[in-house]
Structures are given as structure tokens and as C-alpha cells.
Amino acid sequence: MFMSEKKVKIVKRAERVVSKPNKSKSTRKSASDMVNTVTNWVSEFQQRQSAETAKAVESLIHSRRQQPNEA
């Protein structure tokens, strides 16, 4: 069995072209705006959940106080 002869190109560090992706400021701003929007949604959701949970616990405690003791 013979291996096919393939040429390998060696690229030295000095010959490499380093290219950085160019992101425009508008792209970064829109991405930042999206992150801020989602962060606000999560914060509002957590606040609403906390308020609803506190209200439910208060209601439960209040209803237990009004019921006569069955013991």
C-alpha cells in the first residue's frame, strides 16, 4: 500500500496574517441593547415572582389563623 504523496505547506509565524473580526459599533450597541432588555425582563420576572410568593404566603398564614384549631 502506497500513501498518496501530498504536499504540506508550512506557514511560519511571520508569514501569518492575523485578522481580527471587524464588528461595527452599531452591531455591538444592538447586542448590548438585547442583553440589557433580557436582563430587565429577568429582573422584572424575579420581582413579580417574589411579590406573588410573598402574597401567597401571607394569604396562607392569614387563612390558617382564621380557622379554628381542630386538635
Protein backbone atom coordinates (compact mmCIF):
# COMPACT_ATOMS: atom_id res chain seq x y z
CA MET A 1 0.00 0.00 0.00
CA PHE A 2 1.33 3.33 -1.03
CA MET A 3 0.40 6.57 0.66
CA SER A 4 -0.58 9.28 -1.72
CA GLU A 5 2.01 11.98 -1.96
CA LYS A 6 0.56 15.23 -0.72
CA LYS A 7 2.41 18.47 -0.34
CA VAL A 8 2.28 20.16 3.01
CA LYS A 9 2.64 23.89 3.15
CA ILE A 10 4.48 25.21 6.18
CA VAL A 11 3.42 28.67 7.28
CA LYS A 12 5.82 30.48 9.54
CA ARG A 13 4.59 32.84 12.23
CA ALA A 14 5.90 35.89 10.42
CA GLU A 15 4.01 34.92 7.27
CA ARG A 16 0.68 34.52 9.02
CA VAL A 17 -1.85 37.25 8.56
CA VAL A 18 -3.72 37.88 11.78
CA SER A 19 -7.16 39.19 11.03
CA LYS A 20 -9.49 40.32 13.73
CA PRO A 21 -13.20 40.26 13.02
CA ASN A 22 -14.41 43.79 12.48
CA LYS A 23 -17.56 44.40 14.44
CA SER A 24 -19.13 47.72 13.86
CA LYS A 25 -20.20 49.88 16.76
CA SER A 26 -23.83 49.53 15.74
CA THR A 27 -23.58 45.74 15.97
CA ARG A 28 -22.06 45.96 19.43
CA LYS A 29 -24.67 48.50 20.50
CA SER A 30 -27.55 46.36 19.28
CA ALA A 31 -26.09 43.32 21.04
CA SER A 32 -25.70 45.36 24.21
CA ASP A 33 -29.30 46.58 23.90
CA MET A 34 -30.53 43.00 23.57
CA VAL A 35 -28.58 41.93 26.65
CA ASN A 36 -30.00 44.86 28.62
CA THR A 37 -33.54 44.04 27.50
CA VAL A 38 -33.28 40.40 28.53
CA THR A 39 -31.64 41.38 31.82
CA ASN A 40 -34.55 43.72 32.54
CA TRP A 41 -37.08 41.00 31.68
CA VAL A 42 -35.39 38.56 34.05
CA SER A 43 -35.24 41.16 36.83
CA GLU A 44 -38.94 42.03 36.39
CA PHE A 45 -39.87 38.35 36.36
CA GLN A 46 -37.94 37.71 39.58
CA GLN A 47 -39.56 40.71 41.29
CA ARG A 48 -43.04 39.61 40.19
CA GLN A 49 -42.40 36.03 41.37
CA SER A 50 -41.14 37.29 44.71
CA ALA A 51 -44.17 39.54 45.21
CA GLU A 52 -46.60 36.76 44.23
CA THR A 53 -44.88 34.30 46.55
CA ALA A 54 -44.98 36.74 49.47
CA LYS A 55 -48.66 37.42 48.81
CA ALA A 56 -49.45 33.68 48.69
CA VAL A 57 -47.57 33.01 51.94
CA GLU A 58 -49.36 35.89 53.68
CA SER A 59 -52.69 34.60 52.45
CA LEU A 60 -51.90 31.10 53.66
CA ILE A 61 -50.82 32.32 57.09
CA HIS A 62 -53.89 34.56 57.37
CA SER A 63 -56.28 31.74 56.42
CA ARG A 64 -54.64 29.37 58.94
CA ARG A 65 -55.11 31.92 61.74
CA GLN A 66 -58.81 32.28 60.99
CA GLN A 67 -59.53 28.52 61.08
CA PRO A 68 -60.33 27.06 64.49
CA ASN A 69 -57.83 24.66 65.94
CA GLU A 70 -59.03 21.11 65.17
CA ALA A 71 -56.87 19.36 67.79
